[in-house]
N, C-alpha and C. Protein backbone atom coordinates (compact mmCIF):
# COMPACT_ATOMS: atom_id res chain seq x y z
N UNK A 1 -16.54 21.64 10.63
CA UNK A 1 -15.30 22.17 11.27
C UNK A 1 -14.51 21.60 11.64
N UNK A 2 -13.01 21.24 11.30
CA UNK A 2 -12.07 20.85 11.83
C UNK A 2 -11.97 20.97 13.52
N UNK A 3 -11.95 19.97 14.56
CA UNK A 3 -11.32 20.54 15.92
C UNK A 3 -9.73 20.23 16.09
N UNK A 4 -9.42 20.57 16.82
CA UNK A 4 -8.32 20.53 17.58
C UNK A 4 -7.41 18.70 17.45
N UNK A 5 -8.24 18.49 17.92
CA UNK A 5 -8.31 16.64 17.97
C UNK A 5 -8.03 15.95 16.54
N UNK A 6 -8.53 16.85 15.30
CA UNK A 6 -8.51 16.20 13.99
C UNK A 6 -7.35 16.69 13.36
N UNK A 7 -6.37 17.55 13.85
CA UNK A 7 -5.46 18.02 13.24
C UNK A 7 -4.13 17.73 14.23
N UNK A 8 -3.33 16.63 13.84
CA UNK A 8 -2.21 16.31 14.28
C UNK A 8 -0.83 17.45 14.29
N UNK A 9 -0.01 18.05 15.19
CA UNK A 9 1.19 18.73 14.60
C UNK A 9 1.84 18.10 14.12
N UNK A 10 2.81 18.19 13.25
CA UNK A 10 4.05 17.84 12.61
C UNK A 10 5.22 16.80 13.23
N UNK A 11 5.02 16.98 14.78
CA UNK A 11 5.87 16.09 15.37
C UNK A 11 5.01 14.93 15.71
N UNK A 12 3.82 14.79 15.27
CA UNK A 12 3.15 13.64 15.53
C UNK A 12 3.32 12.38 14.81
N UNK A 13 3.77 11.20 15.20
CA UNK A 13 3.74 10.11 14.35
C UNK A 13 5.08 9.47 14.12
N UNK A 14 5.43 8.63 13.60
CA UNK A 14 6.68 8.12 13.01
C UNK A 14 6.30 6.65 11.82
N UNK A 15 7.12 6.42 11.30
CA UNK A 15 6.86 5.01 10.61
C UNK A 15 8.62 4.55 10.19
N UNK A 16 8.24 3.34 9.93
CA UNK A 16 9.90 2.89 9.14
C UNK A 16 9.21 1.70 8.29
N UNK A 17 9.81 1.41 7.50
CA UNK A 17 9.93 0.16 6.53
C UNK A 17 11.03 -0.28 6.33
N UNK A 18 11.34 -1.54 6.74
CA UNK A 18 12.41 -2.58 6.24
C UNK A 18 12.58 -3.08 4.98
N UNK A 19 13.24 -2.87 3.91
CA UNK A 19 13.13 -3.35 2.74
C UNK A 19 14.35 -4.84 2.49
N UNK A 20 13.61 -5.63 2.12
CA UNK A 20 14.69 -6.72 2.16
C UNK A 20 14.38 -7.35 0.77
N UNK A 21 15.58 -8.40 0.04
CA UNK A 21 15.36 -9.25 -1.09
C UNK A 21 14.54 -10.30 -0.70
N UNK A 22 13.99 -10.95 -1.83
CA UNK A 22 13.62 -12.21 -2.14
C UNK A 22 14.18 -13.19 -1.39
N UNK A 23 15.47 -13.15 -1.53
CA UNK A 23 16.60 -14.20 -0.86
C UNK A 23 16.75 -14.03 0.13
N UNK A 24 16.69 -13.07 0.97
CA UNK A 24 17.07 -12.44 2.33
C UNK A 24 15.83 -13.30 2.88
N UNK A 25 14.84 -12.98 2.55
CA UNK A 25 13.60 -13.20 3.22
C UNK A 25 13.36 -14.99 3.14
N UNK A 26 13.68 -15.35 2.37
CA UNK A 26 13.82 -17.12 1.99
C UNK A 26 14.95 -17.49 3.30
N UNK A 27 16.04 -16.86 2.87
CA UNK A 27 17.36 -17.44 4.01
C UNK A 27 16.81 -17.20 5.39
N UNK A 28 16.30 -16.32 5.84
CA UNK A 28 16.14 -16.09 7.51
C UNK A 28 14.61 -16.61 7.82
N UNK A 29 13.91 -17.34 6.62
CA UNK A 29 12.57 -17.56 7.29
C UNK A 29 11.45 -16.56 7.25
N UNK A 30 11.62 -15.60 6.72
CA UNK A 30 10.76 -14.66 7.26
C UNK A 30 9.19 -14.43 6.09
N UNK A 31 9.25 -15.39 5.57
CA UNK A 31 7.64 -15.65 4.58
C UNK A 31 6.43 -15.09 4.65
N UNK A 32 6.31 -16.00 6.19
CA UNK A 32 5.20 -15.45 6.64
C UNK A 32 4.48 -14.43 7.55
N UNK A 33 5.80 -13.22 7.30
CA UNK A 33 5.92 -12.04 7.71
C UNK A 33 6.20 -10.95 7.00
N UNK A 34 6.70 -11.33 5.92
CA UNK A 34 6.90 -10.33 4.54
C UNK A 34 5.61 -9.71 3.78
N UNK A 35 5.72 -8.53 3.54
CA UNK A 35 4.77 -8.01 2.61
C UNK A 35 5.35 -7.82 1.34
N UNK A 36 4.81 -8.29 0.60
CA UNK A 36 5.32 -7.87 -0.98
C UNK A 36 4.80 -6.69 -1.50
N UNK A 37 5.54 -5.74 -1.88
CA UNK A 37 5.23 -4.46 -2.91
C UNK A 37 5.32 -5.10 -4.23
N UNK A 38 4.17 -4.78 -4.72
CA UNK A 38 3.77 -5.29 -6.36
C UNK A 38 3.71 -4.20 -7.09
N UNK A 39 3.74 -2.92 -6.23
CA UNK A 39 3.36 -1.68 -7.49
C UNK A 39 3.76 -0.26 -6.46
N UNK A 40 3.95 0.54 -7.31
CA UNK A 40 4.11 1.86 -6.50
C UNK A 40 4.12 2.84 -7.56
N UNK A 41 3.61 3.88 -7.11
CA UNK A 41 3.75 5.29 -8.20
C UNK A 41 3.50 6.23 -7.65
N UNK A 42 4.16 7.43 -8.05
CA UNK A 42 4.65 8.91 -7.41
C UNK A 42 3.65 9.76 -8.37
N UNK A 43 2.78 10.52 -7.63
CA UNK A 43 2.55 11.75 -8.68
C UNK A 43 2.65 13.00 -8.08
N UNK A 44 3.31 14.25 -8.55
CA UNK A 44 3.21 15.50 -7.98
C UNK A 44 2.12 16.53 -8.60
N UNK A 45 2.32 17.41 -8.07
CA UNK A 45 1.50 18.66 -8.50
C UNK A 45 1.09 18.49 -10.22
N UNK A 46 -0.53 18.93 -10.32
CA UNK A 46 -0.74 18.73 -11.61
C UNK A 46 -1.43 20.23 -11.73
N UNK A 47 -1.88 20.35 -13.19
CA UNK A 47 -2.54 21.76 -13.29
C UNK A 47 -3.81 21.91 -12.28
N UNK A 48 -4.26 20.74 -12.34
CA UNK A 48 -5.77 20.97 -11.78
C UNK A 48 -5.69 21.01 -10.18
N UNK A 49 -3.96 20.97 -9.58
CA UNK A 49 -3.90 20.83 -8.37
C UNK A 49 -4.48 22.52 -7.84
N UNK A 50 -4.34 23.12 -8.73
CA UNK A 50 -4.00 24.82 -8.64
C UNK A 50 -5.19 25.57 -8.88
N UNK A 51 -6.70 24.42 -9.00
CA UNK A 51 -7.66 25.37 -9.31
C UNK A 51 -8.80 25.70 -8.02
N UNK A 52 -9.83 26.08 -8.40
CA UNK A 52 -10.23 26.95 -6.95
C UNK A 52 -10.87 25.46 -6.32
N UNK A 53 -10.65 24.26 -6.56
CA UNK A 53 -10.92 23.19 -5.58
C UNK A 53 -9.95 22.98 -4.41
N UNK A 54 -10.60 23.05 -3.32
CA UNK A 54 -9.80 22.58 -1.68
C UNK A 54 -9.47 21.29 -1.62
N UNK A 55 -10.33 20.36 -2.46
CA UNK A 55 -10.02 18.61 -2.52
C UNK A 55 -8.55 18.79 -3.14
N UNK A 56 -8.61 19.21 -4.34
CA UNK A 56 -7.80 19.07 -5.20
C UNK A 56 -6.17 19.62 -4.72
N UNK A 57 -6.51 20.74 -4.08
CA UNK A 57 -5.23 21.53 -3.31
C UNK A 57 -4.59 20.56 -2.43
N UNK A 58 -5.46 19.95 -1.68
CA UNK A 58 -5.00 19.13 -0.90
C UNK A 58 -4.56 17.37 -1.45
N UNK A 59 -4.76 17.39 -2.55
CA UNK A 59 -4.03 16.27 -3.25
C UNK A 59 -5.14 15.14 -3.72
N UNK A 60 -6.33 15.30 -3.67
CA UNK A 60 -7.23 13.93 -4.15
C UNK A 60 -7.18 14.18 -5.73
N UNK A 61 -6.63 14.74 -6.71
CA UNK A 61 -6.69 14.45 -7.73
C UNK A 61 -4.96 13.40 -7.77
N UNK A 62 -4.21 13.92 -7.26
CA UNK A 62 -2.64 13.45 -7.64
C UNK A 62 -2.91 12.01 -6.80
N UNK A 63 -3.74 11.55 -5.70
CA UNK A 63 -3.75 10.36 -5.27
C UNK A 63 -4.64 9.42 -6.08
N UNK A 64 -5.81 10.13 -6.94
CA UNK A 64 -6.56 9.21 -7.64
C UNK A 64 -5.73 9.00 -8.86
N UNK A 65 -4.91 9.83 -9.54
CA UNK A 65 -4.21 9.62 -10.73
C UNK A 65 -3.24 8.67 -10.35
N UNK A 66 -2.38 8.81 -9.00
CA UNK A 66 -1.28 7.73 -8.75
C UNK A 66 -2.34 6.04 -8.67
N UNK A 67 -3.31 6.01 -7.93
CA UNK A 67 -3.96 4.85 -7.67
C UNK A 67 -4.39 4.14 -9.04
N UNK A 68 -4.66 4.90 -9.84
CA UNK A 68 -5.64 4.31 -11.11
C UNK A 68 -4.20 3.93 -12.06
N UNK A 69 -3.10 4.57 -11.68
CA UNK A 69 -1.91 3.92 -12.32
C UNK A 69 -1.25 2.62 -11.76
N UNK A 70 -1.39 2.52 -10.77
CA UNK A 70 -0.95 1.59 -9.82
C UNK A 70 -2.02 0.22 -9.94
N UNK A 71 -3.34 0.74 -9.93
CA UNK A 71 -4.19 -0.62 -10.31
C UNK A 71 -3.56 -0.95 -11.59
N UNK A 72 -3.70 -0.14 -12.64
CA UNK A 72 -3.83 -0.46 -14.14
C UNK A 72 -2.26 -1.51 -14.11
N UNK A 73 -1.20 -0.87 -13.59
CA UNK A 73 0.14 -1.70 -13.41
C UNK A 73 0.25 -3.12 -12.83
N UNK A 74 -0.57 -3.30 -12.09
CA UNK A 74 -0.64 -4.41 -11.28
C UNK A 74 -1.72 -5.17 -11.66
N UNK A 75 -2.69 -4.95 -12.07
CA UNK A 75 -4.01 -5.86 -11.99
C UNK A 75 -4.62 -5.80 -10.85
N UNK A 76 -4.37 -5.12 -9.89
CA UNK A 76 -5.12 -4.95 -8.68
C UNK A 76 -6.23 -3.81 -8.68
N UNK A 77 -7.10 -4.24 -8.02
CA UNK A 77 -8.23 -3.16 -7.92
C UNK A 77 -8.69 -2.98 -6.19
N UNK A 78 -9.74 -1.90 -6.37
CA UNK A 78 -9.65 -1.50 -4.88
C UNK A 78 -10.44 -2.74 -3.91
N UNK A 79 -11.30 -3.28 -4.62
CA UNK A 79 -11.94 -4.64 -4.08
C UNK A 79 -11.16 -5.83 -3.51
N UNK A 80 -9.72 -5.75 -4.47
CA UNK A 80 -8.86 -6.66 -3.97
C UNK A 80 -7.80 -6.28 -2.74
N UNK A 81 -8.20 -5.23 -1.93
CA UNK A 81 -7.59 -4.58 -0.81
C UNK A 81 -8.40 -4.78 0.33
N UNK A 82 -7.96 -5.66 1.36
CA UNK A 82 -8.33 -6.06 2.55
C UNK A 82 -7.86 -5.18 3.80
N UNK A 83 -6.62 -4.66 3.69
CA UNK A 83 -6.12 -3.72 4.59
C UNK A 83 -5.33 -2.71 4.09
N UNK A 84 -5.36 -1.42 4.70
CA UNK A 84 -4.86 -0.66 3.84
C UNK A 84 -4.04 0.50 5.29
N UNK A 85 -2.89 0.97 5.31
CA UNK A 85 -2.47 1.74 6.01
C UNK A 85 -2.39 3.27 5.56
N UNK A 86 -3.14 4.00 5.99
CA UNK A 86 -3.25 5.32 5.48
C UNK A 86 -3.12 6.26 6.51
N UNK A 87 -2.43 7.54 6.31
CA UNK A 87 -2.39 8.64 7.31
C UNK A 87 -2.14 9.87 6.33
N UNK A 88 -3.21 10.75 7.06
CA UNK A 88 -2.89 12.16 6.92
C UNK A 88 -3.44 12.74 8.19
N UNK A 89 -2.59 13.89 8.12
CA UNK A 89 -2.81 14.70 9.76
C UNK A 89 -4.19 15.37 9.94
N UNK A 90 -4.41 15.65 8.49
CA UNK A 90 -6.12 15.97 9.11
C UNK A 90 -7.33 15.44 8.49
N UNK A 91 -8.13 14.67 9.31
CA UNK A 91 -9.22 13.83 9.44
C UNK A 91 -10.01 14.07 8.03
N UNK A 92 -10.10 15.12 7.50
CA UNK A 92 -10.98 15.25 6.57
C UNK A 92 -10.03 15.03 5.25
N UNK A 93 -8.74 15.15 5.13
CA UNK A 93 -7.83 14.45 3.99
C UNK A 93 -7.73 13.30 3.79
N UNK A 94 -7.82 12.64 4.99
CA UNK A 94 -7.61 11.33 5.30
C UNK A 94 -9.05 10.63 4.27
N UNK A 95 -10.25 11.21 4.52
CA UNK A 95 -11.57 10.57 3.90
C UNK A 95 -11.48 11.05 2.37
N UNK A 96 -10.76 12.17 2.18
CA UNK A 96 -10.71 12.52 0.78
C UNK A 96 -9.68 11.45 -0.16
N UNK A 97 -8.80 11.46 0.51
CA UNK A 97 -7.84 10.14 0.34
C UNK A 97 -8.45 8.47 -0.12
N UNK A 98 -9.28 8.32 1.05
CA UNK A 98 -10.03 6.95 0.33
C UNK A 98 -10.84 7.01 -0.50
N UNK A 99 -11.38 8.33 -0.98
CA UNK A 99 -12.33 8.45 -2.14
C UNK A 99 -11.31 8.54 -3.28
N UNK A 100 -10.43 8.99 -3.34
CA UNK A 100 -9.30 8.61 -4.35
C UNK A 100 -8.84 7.65 -4.85
N UNK A 101 -8.72 6.71 -3.63
CA UNK A 101 -8.06 5.51 -3.98
C UNK A 101 -9.07 4.56 -4.26
N UNK A 102 -10.46 4.93 -4.48
CA UNK A 102 -11.51 3.88 -5.07
C UNK A 102 -11.61 3.19 -3.98
N UNK A 103 -11.60 3.34 -2.56
CA UNK A 103 -11.72 2.58 -1.78
C UNK A 103 -13.57 2.86 -1.00
N UNK A 104 -14.11 3.96 -1.53
CA UNK A 104 -15.58 4.25 -1.15
C UNK A 104 -16.72 3.84 -2.31
N UNK A 105 -17.85 3.75 -1.76
CA UNK A 105 -18.82 3.41 -2.95
C UNK A 105 -18.48 5.22 -3.72
């Protein structure tokens, strides 16, 4: 069972991403600090989302589908990933997402 400390309220956390062109990065000497976005995917509710699977209800199938698409599009696979920033407000959902992204054996 989830405990109180495994479930953060919606008021917790913040994030920011600053996007810049390659020209801007080079002009300001930021190459060593820049992160290149090589691919992205977005998946929304699928028919399988509304089956009796709790894991699919919280998005594991959507995460898996998005990951498979972006891996195919970029030629990158889970073994190529050294660091990932992943957040879900419930600890169990985060573990499901690690699996959906192919980061677990």
